[in-house]
PDB file of N, CA and C in Angstrom:
ATOM      1  N   MET A   1       3.884 -13.033  -2.851  1.00  0.00           N
ATOM      2  CA  MET A   1       4.205 -11.654  -3.032  1.00  0.00           C
ATOM      3  C   MET A   1       4.617 -11.146  -1.644  1.00  0.00           C
ATOM      4  N   MET A   2       5.586 -10.245  -1.621  1.00  0.00           N
ATOM      5  CA  MET A   2       6.005  -9.621  -0.413  1.00  0.00           C
ATOM      6  C   MET A   2       5.572  -8.222  -0.272  1.00  0.00           C
ATOM      7  N   PHE A   3       5.317  -7.763   1.024  1.00  0.00           N
ATOM      8  CA  PHE A   3       4.970  -6.466   1.305  1.00  0.00           C
ATOM      9  C   PHE A   3       5.846  -5.899   2.341  1.00  0.00           C
ATOM     10  N   GLN A   4       5.998  -4.546   2.436  1.00  0.00           N
ATOM     11  CA  GLN A   4       6.709  -3.924   3.479  1.00  0.00           C
ATOM     12  C   GLN A   4       6.181  -2.533   3.739  1.00  0.00           C
ATOM     13  N   ILE A   5       6.542  -1.995   4.887  1.00  0.00           N
ATOM     14  CA  ILE A   5       6.201  -0.578   5.304  1.00  0.00           C
ATOM     15  C   ILE A   5       7.426   0.210   5.232  1.00  0.00           C
ATOM     16  N   CYS A   6       7.328   1.345   4.459  1.00  0.00           N
ATOM     17  CA  CYS A   6       8.501   2.285   4.508  1.00  0.00           C
ATOM     18  C   CYS A   6       8.029   3.605   5.258  1.00  0.00           C
ATOM     19  N   ASN A   7       8.945   4.030   6.076  1.00  0.00           N
ATOM     20  CA  ASN A   7       8.624   5.310   6.800  1.00  0.00           C
ATOM     21  C   ASN A   7       9.301   6.409   5.995  1.00  0.00           C
ATOM     22  N   MET A   8       8.440   6.998   5.113  1.00  0.00           N
ATOM     23  CA  MET A   8       8.828   8.099   4.253  1.00  0.00           C
ATOM     24  C   MET A   8       8.557   9.434   4.865  1.00  0.00           C
ATOM     25  N   PRO A   9       9.134  10.505   4.379  1.00  0.00           N
ATOM     26  CA  PRO A   9       8.841  11.842   4.926  1.00  0.00           C
ATOM     27  C   PRO A   9       7.346  12.199   4.839  1.00  0.00           C
ATOM     28  N   HIS A  10       6.626  11.714   3.835  1.00  0.00           N
ATOM     29  CA  HIS A  10       5.232  12.055   3.796  1.00  0.00           C
ATOM     30  C   HIS A  10       4.256  11.005   4.499  1.00  0.00           C
ATOM     31  N   GLY A  11       4.887   9.953   5.172  1.00  0.00           N
ATOM     32  CA  GLY A  11       4.039   8.977   5.925  1.00  0.00           C
ATOM     33  C   GLY A  11       4.527   7.592   5.817  1.00  0.00           C
ATOM     34  N   TYR A  12       3.749   6.690   6.437  1.00  0.00           N
ATOM     35  CA  TYR A  12       4.043   5.263   6.400  1.00  0.00           C
ATOM     36  C   TYR A  12       3.424   4.766   5.163  1.00  0.00           C
ATOM     37  N   VAL A  13       4.184   4.148   4.178  1.00  0.00           N
ATOM     38  CA  VAL A  13       3.737   3.714   2.911  1.00  0.00           C
ATOM     39  C   VAL A  13       3.880   2.245   2.866  1.00  0.00           C
ATOM     40  N   VAL A  14       2.799   1.530   2.435  1.00  0.00           N
ATOM     41  CA  VAL A  14       2.897   0.083   2.259  1.00  0.00           C
ATOM     42  C   VAL A  14       3.246  -0.156   0.797  1.00  0.00           C
ATOM     43  N   GLU A  15       4.287  -0.993   0.566  1.00  0.00           N
ATOM     44  CA  GLU A  15       4.698  -1.317  -0.742  1.00  0.00           C
ATOM     45  C   GLU A  15       4.689  -2.774  -1.047  1.00  0.00           C
ATOM     46  N   ALA A  16       4.545  -3.136  -2.349  1.00  0.00           N
ATOM     47  CA  ALA A  16       4.489  -4.494  -2.767  1.00  0.00           C
ATOM     48  C   ALA A  16       5.729  -4.730  -3.649  1.00  0.00           C
ATOM     49  N   HIS A  17       6.304  -5.915  -3.565  1.00  0.00           N
ATOM     50  CA  HIS A  17       7.462  -6.365  -4.351  1.00  0.00           C
ATOM     51  C   HIS A  17       6.944  -7.278  -5.473  1.00  0.00           C
ATOM     52  N   ILE A  18       6.925  -6.638  -6.663  1.00  0.00           N
ATOM     53  CA  ILE A  18       6.297  -7.388  -7.828  1.00  0.00           C
ATOM     54  C   ILE A  18       7.137  -7.272  -9.028  1.00  0.00           C
ATOM     55  N   MET A  19       6.938  -8.130  -9.963  1.00  0.00           N
ATOM     56  CA  MET A  19       7.719  -8.157 -11.210  1.00  0.00           C
ATOM     57  C   MET A  19       7.068  -7.124 -12.236  1.00  0.00           C
ATOM     58  N   ASP A  20       7.996  -6.252 -12.697  1.00  0.00           N
ATOM     59  CA  ASP A  20       7.598  -5.292 -13.776  1.00  0.00           C
ATOM     60  C   ASP A  20       7.490  -5.983 -15.043  1.00  0.00           C
ATOM     61  N   SER A  21       7.009  -5.158 -16.070  1.00  0.00           N
ATOM     62  CA  SER A  21       6.879  -5.802 -17.424  1.00  0.00           C
ATOM     63  C   SER A  21       8.332  -6.080 -18.050  1.00  0.00           C
ATOM     64  N   ASP A  22       9.315  -5.550 -17.528  1.00  0.00           N
ATOM     65  CA  ASP A  22      10.663  -5.908 -18.066  1.00  0.00           C
ATOM     66  C   ASP A  22      11.265  -7.120 -17.389  1.00  0.00           C
ATOM     67  N   GLY A  23      10.520  -7.763 -16.453  1.00  0.00           N
ATOM     68  CA  GLY A  23      11.015  -8.996 -15.821  1.00  0.00           C
ATOM     69  C   GLY A  23      11.840  -8.760 -14.542  1.00  0.00           C
ATOM     70  N   VAL A  24      11.928  -7.533 -14.073  1.00  0.00           N
ATOM     71  CA  VAL A  24      12.707  -7.272 -12.887  1.00  0.00           C
ATOM     72  C   VAL A  24      11.758  -6.998 -11.695  1.00  0.00           C
ATOM     73  N   PHE A  25      12.131  -7.510 -10.539  1.00  0.00           N
ATOM     74  CA  PHE A  25      11.256  -7.352  -9.312  1.00  0.00           C
ATOM     75  C   PHE A  25      11.643  -5.989  -8.719  1.00  0.00           C
ATOM     76  N   ARG A  26      10.637  -5.221  -8.323  1.00  0.00           N
ATOM     77  CA  ARG A  26      10.830  -4.005  -7.771  1.00  0.00           C
ATOM     78  C   ARG A  26       9.822  -3.655  -6.681  1.00  0.00           C
ATOM     79  N   TRP A  27      10.057  -2.771  -5.738  1.00  0.00           N
ATOM     80  CA  TRP A  27       9.111  -2.342  -4.751  1.00  0.00           C
ATOM     81  C   TRP A  27       8.294  -1.203  -5.355  1.00  0.00           C
ATOM     82  N   HIS A  28       6.909  -1.327  -5.206  1.00  0.00           N
ATOM     83  CA  HIS A  28       5.999  -0.262  -5.697  1.00  0.00           C
ATOM     84  C   HIS A  28       5.096   0.143  -4.522  1.00  0.00           C
ATOM     85  N   PRO A  29       4.887   1.528  -4.331  1.00  0.00           N
ATOM     86  CA  PRO A  29       4.006   1.901  -3.243  1.00  0.00           C
ATOM     87  C   PRO A  29       2.517   1.606  -3.577  1.00  0.00           C
ATOM     88  N   LEU A  30       1.780   1.155  -2.592  1.00  0.00           N
ATOM     89  CA  LEU A  30       0.378   0.933  -2.706  1.00  0.00           C
ATOM     90  C   LEU A  30      -0.537   1.995  -2.116  1.00  0.00           C
ATOM     91  N   ARG A  31      -0.239   2.286  -0.781  1.00  0.00           N
ATOM     92  CA  ARG A  31      -1.050   3.272  -0.056  1.00  0.00           C
ATOM     93  C   ARG A  31      -0.219   3.930   0.929  1.00  0.00           C
ATOM     94  N   ASN A  32      -0.538   5.235   1.160  1.00  0.00           N
ATOM     95  CA  ASN A  32       0.098   6.128   2.244  1.00  0.00           C
ATOM     96  C   ASN A  32      -0.866   6.218   3.347  1.00  0.00           C
ATOM     97  N   PHE A  33      -0.333   5.908   4.519  1.00  0.00           N
ATOM     98  CA  PHE A  33      -1.228   6.064   5.797  1.00  0.00           C
ATOM     99  C   PHE A  33      -0.771   7.184   6.645  1.00  0.00           C
ATOM    100  N   GLY A  34       0.013   8.138   6.114  1.00  0.00           N
ATOM    101  CA  GLY A  34       0.372   9.293   6.905  1.00  0.00           C
ATOM    102  C   GLY A  34       1.111   8.848   8.158  1.00  0.00           C
ATOM    103  N   ASP A  35       0.699   9.393   9.269  1.00  0.00           N
ATOM    104  CA  ASP A  35       1.362   9.087  10.604  1.00  0.00           C
ATOM    105  C   ASP A  35       0.645   7.902  11.331  1.00  0.00           C
ATOM    106  N   ARG A  36      -0.216   7.166  10.595  1.00  0.00           N
ATOM    107  CA  ARG A  36      -1.030   6.089  11.207  1.00  0.00           C
ATOM    108  C   ARG A  36      -0.200   4.683  10.958  1.00  0.00           C
ATOM    109  N   GLN A  37       0.819   4.439  11.703  1.00  0.00           N
ATOM    110  CA  GLN A  37       1.685   3.206  11.444  1.00  0.00           C
ATOM    111  C   GLN A  37       0.829   2.025  11.707  1.00  0.00           C
ATOM    112  N   GLY A  38      -0.088   2.023  12.689  1.00  0.00           N
ATOM    113  CA  GLY A  38      -0.880   0.883  13.050  1.00  0.00           C
ATOM    114  C   GLY A  38      -1.854   0.514  11.796  1.00  0.00           C
ATOM    115  N   ASP A  39      -2.371   1.544  11.194  1.00  0.00           N
ATOM    116  CA  ASP A  39      -3.232   1.251  10.017  1.00  0.00           C
ATOM    117  C   ASP A  39      -2.402   0.662   8.861  1.00  0.00           C
ATOM    118  N   ALA A  40      -1.197   1.125   8.697  1.00  0.00           N
ATOM    119  CA  ALA A  40      -0.294   0.611   7.584  1.00  0.00           C
ATOM    120  C   ALA A  40      -0.021  -0.836   7.901  1.00  0.00           C
ATOM    121  N   ARG A  41       0.300  -1.152   9.150  1.00  0.00           N
ATOM    122  CA  ARG A  41       0.632  -2.465   9.545  1.00  0.00           C
ATOM    123  C   ARG A  41      -0.562  -3.410   9.392  1.00  0.00           C
ATOM    124  N   ALA A  42      -1.706  -3.043   9.735  1.00  0.00           N
ATOM    125  CA  ALA A  42      -2.925  -3.884   9.569  1.00  0.00           C
ATOM    126  C   ALA A  42      -3.185  -4.127   8.132  1.00  0.00           C
ATOM    127  N   PHE A  43      -3.076  -3.037   7.296  1.00  0.00           N
ATOM    128  CA  PHE A  43      -3.282  -3.222   5.834  1.00  0.00           C
ATOM    129  C   PHE A  43      -2.283  -4.240   5.273  1.00  0.00           C
ATOM    130  N   MET A  44      -1.072  -4.039   5.703  1.00  0.00           N
ATOM    131  CA  MET A  44      -0.013  -4.957   5.121  1.00  0.00           C
ATOM    132  C   MET A  44      -0.279  -6.411   5.590  1.00  0.00           C
ATOM    133  N   GLU A  45      -0.599  -6.579   6.837  1.00  0.00           N
ATOM    134  CA  GLU A  45      -0.707  -7.962   7.400  1.00  0.00           C
ATOM    135  C   GLU A  45      -1.962  -8.680   7.115  1.00  0.00           C
ATOM    136  N   TYR A  46      -3.113  -7.881   7.037  1.00  0.00           N
ATOM    137  CA  TYR A  46      -4.404  -8.549   6.891  1.00  0.00           C
ATOM    138  C   TYR A  46      -5.036  -8.369   5.499  1.00  0.00           C
ATOM    139  N   ASP A  47      -4.987  -7.194   4.990  1.00  0.00           N
ATOM    140  CA  ASP A  47      -5.607  -6.849   3.757  1.00  0.00           C
ATOM    141  C   ASP A  47      -4.810  -7.304   2.539  1.00  0.00           C
ATOM    142  N   CYS A  48      -3.523  -6.978   2.523  1.00  0.00           N
ATOM    143  CA  CYS A  48      -2.709  -7.216   1.281  1.00  0.00           C
ATOM    144  C   CYS A  48      -2.645  -8.742   0.921  1.00  0.00           C
ATOM    145  N   ARG A  49      -2.580  -9.603   1.842  1.00  0.00           N
ATOM    146  CA  ARG A  49      -2.468 -11.019   1.535  1.00  0.00           C
ATOM    147  C   ARG A  49      -3.662 -11.544   0.768  1.00  0.00           C
ATOM    148  N   GLU A  50      -4.791 -10.879   0.830  1.00  0.00           N
ATOM    149  CA  GLU A  50      -6.057 -11.356   0.109  1.00  0.00           C
ATOM    150  C   GLU A  50      -6.166 -10.659  -1.120  1.00  0.00           C
ATOM    151  N   LEU A  51      -5.345  -9.579  -1.528  1.00  0.00           N
ATOM    152  CA  LEU A  51      -5.548  -8.944  -2.764  1.00  0.00           C
ATOM    153  C   LEU A  51      -4.983  -9.773  -4.015  1.00  0.00           C
ATOM    154  N   GLU A  52      -5.714  -9.725  -5.046  1.00  0.00           N
ATOM    155  CA  GLU A  52      -5.286 -10.401  -6.251  1.00  0.00           C
ATOM    156  C   GLU A  52      -4.286  -9.472  -7.006  1.00  0.00           C
ATOM    157  N   ASP A  53      -3.615 -10.072  -7.887  1.00  0.00           N
ATOM    158  CA  ASP A  53      -2.561  -9.293  -8.660  1.00  0.00           C
ATOM    159  C   ASP A  53      -3.069  -8.193  -9.344  1.00  0.00           C
ATOM    160  N   ASN A  54      -4.254  -8.293  -9.973  1.00  0.00           N
ATOM    161  CA  ASN A  54      -4.844  -7.155 -10.790  1.00  0.00           C
ATOM    162  C   ASN A  54      -5.160  -6.021  -9.871  1.00  0.00           C
ATOM    163  N   VAL A  55      -5.654  -6.299  -8.660  1.00  0.00           N
ATOM    164  CA  VAL A  55      -5.959  -5.245  -7.739  1.00  0.00           C
ATOM    165  C   VAL A  55      -4.702  -4.586  -7.232  1.00  0.00           C
ATOM    166  N   ILE A  56      -3.675  -5.326  -6.942  1.00  0.00           N
ATOM    167  CA  ILE A  56      -2.396  -4.704  -6.547  1.00  0.00           C
ATOM    168  C   ILE A  56      -1.866  -3.709  -7.668  1.00  0.00           C
ATOM    169  N   ARG A  57      -1.914  -4.219  -8.837  1.00  0.00           N
ATOM    170  CA  ARG A  57      -1.463  -3.389  -9.918  1.00  0.00           C
ATOM    171  C   ARG A  57      -2.228  -2.063 -10.098  1.00  0.00           C
ATOM    172  N   ALA A  58      -3.558  -2.229  -9.888  1.00  0.00           N
ATOM    173  CA  ALA A  58      -4.417  -1.051  -9.837  1.00  0.00           C
ATOM    174  C   ALA A  58      -3.995  -0.026  -8.775  1.00  0.00           C
ATOM    175  N   LEU A  59      -3.762  -0.574  -7.585  1.00  0.00           N
ATOM    176  CA  LEU A  59      -3.330   0.284  -6.452  1.00  0.00           C
ATOM    177  C   LEU A  59      -2.001   0.951  -6.806  1.00  0.00           C
ATOM    178  N   ILE A  60      -1.072   0.264  -7.528  1.00  0.00           N
ATOM    179  CA  ILE A  60       0.168   0.935  -7.869  1.00  0.00           C
ATOM    180  C   ILE A  60      -0.099   2.037  -8.833  1.00  0.00           C
ATOM    181  N   ARG A  61      -0.966   1.780  -9.800  1.00  0.00           N
ATOM    182  CA  ARG A  61      -1.180   2.872 -10.849  1.00  0.00           C
ATOM    183  C   ARG A  61      -1.898   4.050 -10.254  1.00  0.00           C
ATOM    184  N   ARG A  62      -2.741   3.838  -9.268  1.00  0.00           N
ATOM    185  CA  ARG A  62      -3.555   4.982  -8.657  1.00  0.00           C
ATOM    186  C   ARG A  62      -2.779   5.587  -7.512  1.00  0.00           C
ATOM    187  N   TYR A  63      -1.562   5.172  -7.103  1.00  0.00           N
ATOM    188  CA  TYR A  63      -0.929   5.670  -5.929  1.00  0.00           C
ATOM    189  C   TYR A  63      -0.666   7.133  -6.100  1.00  0.00           C
ATOM    190  N   ASP A  64      -0.978   7.896  -5.000  1.00  0.00           N
ATOM    191  CA  ASP A  64      -0.714   9.334  -4.937  1.00  0.00           C
ATOM    192  C   ASP A  64      -0.169   9.560  -3.494  1.00  0.00           C
ATOM    193  N   PRO A  65       1.090  10.114  -3.439  1.00  0.00           N
ATOM    194  CA  PRO A  65       1.670  10.299  -2.130  1.00  0.00           C
ATOM    195  C   PRO A  65       1.002  11.347  -1.247  1.00  0.00           C
ATOM    196  N   ILE A  66       0.170  12.218  -1.932  1.00  0.00           N
ATOM    197  CA  ILE A  66      -0.551  13.235  -1.200  1.00  0.00           C
ATOM    198  C   ILE A  66      -1.782  12.670  -0.438  1.00  0.00           C
ATOM    199  N   VAL A  67      -2.360  11.605  -1.005  1.00  0.00           N
ATOM    200  CA  VAL A  67      -3.561  10.977  -0.497  1.00  0.00           C
ATOM    201  C   VAL A  67      -3.119  10.086   0.623  1.00  0.00           C
ATOM    202  N   LYS A  68      -3.768  10.249   1.828  1.00  0.00           N
ATOM    203  CA  LYS A  68      -3.461   9.491   2.980  1.00  0.00           C
ATOM    204  C   LYS A  68      -4.720   8.685   3.324  1.00  0.00           C
ATOM    205  N   TYR A  69      -4.593   7.422   3.783  1.00  0.00           N
ATOM    206  CA  TYR A  69      -5.732   6.598   4.160  1.00  0.00           C
ATOM    207  C   TYR A  69      -5.809   6.329   5.602  1.00  0.00           C
ATOM    208  N   ILE A  70      -7.127   6.166   6.082  1.00  0.00           N
ATOM    209  CA  ILE A  70      -7.391   5.760   7.402  1.00  0.00           C
ATOM    210  C   ILE A  70      -8.093   4.355   7.256  1.00  0.00           C
ATOM    211  N   ARG A  71      -7.632   3.413   7.940  1.00  0.00           N
ATOM    212  CA  ARG A  71      -8.261   2.039   7.894  1.00  0.00           C
ATOM    213  C   ARG A  71      -9.247   1.972   9.018  1.00  0.00           C
ATOM    214  N   PHE A  72     -10.546   1.623   8.651  1.00  0.00           N
ATOM    215  CA  PHE A  72     -11.640   1.483   9.605  1.00  0.00           C
ATOM    216  C   PHE A  72     -11.893   0.027   9.864  1.00  0.00           C
ATOM    217  N   GLY A  73     -11.415  -0.879   9.164  1.00  0.00           N
ATOM    218  CA  GLY A  73     -11.565  -2.323   9.346  1.00  0.00           C
ATOM    219  C   GLY A  73     -11.175  -3.003   8.044  1.00  0.00           C
ATOM    220  N   LYS A  74     -11.460  -4.280   8.017  1.00  0.00           N
ATOM    221  CA  LYS A  74     -10.997  -5.122   6.824  1.00  0.00           C
ATOM    222  C   LYS A  74     -11.556  -4.527   5.636  1.00  0.00           C
ATOM    223  N   ASN A  75     -10.724  -4.090   4.702  1.00  0.00           N
ATOM    224  CA  ASN A  75     -11.126  -3.522   3.339  1.00  0.00           C
ATOM    225  C   ASN A  75     -12.007  -2.293   3.488  1.00  0.00           C
ATOM    226  N   ARG A  76     -11.960  -1.570   4.557  1.00  0.00           N
ATOM    227  CA  ARG A  76     -12.724  -0.336   4.738  1.00  0.00           C
ATOM    228  C   ARG A  76     -11.805   0.842   5.046  1.00  0.00           C
ATOM    229  N   PHE A  77     -11.800   1.784   4.116  1.00  0.00           N
ATOM    230  CA  PHE A  77     -10.803   2.899   4.220  1.00  0.00           C
ATOM    231  C   PHE A  77     -11.538   4.225   3.903  1.00  0.00           C
ATOM    232  N   ASN A  78     -10.903   5.326   4.412  1.00  0.00           N
ATOM    233  CA  ASN A  78     -11.299   6.695   4.119  1.00  0.00           C
ATOM    234  C   ASN A  78      -9.987   7.423   3.607  1.00  0.00           C
ATOM    235  N   MET A  79     -10.250   8.290   2.625  1.00  0.00           N
ATOM    236  CA  MET A  79      -9.035   9.033   2.090  1.00  0.00           C
ATOM    237  C   MET A  79      -9.115  10.415   2.753  1.00  0.00           C
ATOM    238  N   GLN A  80      -7.854  10.864   2.898  1.00  0.00           N
ATOM    239  CA  GLN A  80      -7.639  12.301   3.349  1.00  0.00           C
ATOM    240  C   GLN A  80      -6.701  13.003   2.324  1.00  0.00           C
ATOM    241  N   HIS A  81      -7.023  14.227   2.009  1.00  0.00           N
ATOM    242  CA  HIS A  81      -6.074  14.929   1.054  1.00  0.00           C
ATOM    243  C   HIS A  81      -5.370  16.055   1.822  1.00  0.00           C
TER     244      HIS A  81
END
């Protein structure tokens, strides 16, 4: 699975490239890190590679662009609204 960081107007967003139910691969947002580019990069490089497909799909379903995350360490996050 591939991951990328997009610099959106509402922050640095980590996205996953996965196959949808229609069989087409698309980019889907996982988490928004606001202006914390380093946290987005660490999440993408260290945390995402260990996530199982069902966890990634759950992150996609729960994605909210208003909620921004702070990464405190491996798999440790805090949400900001």
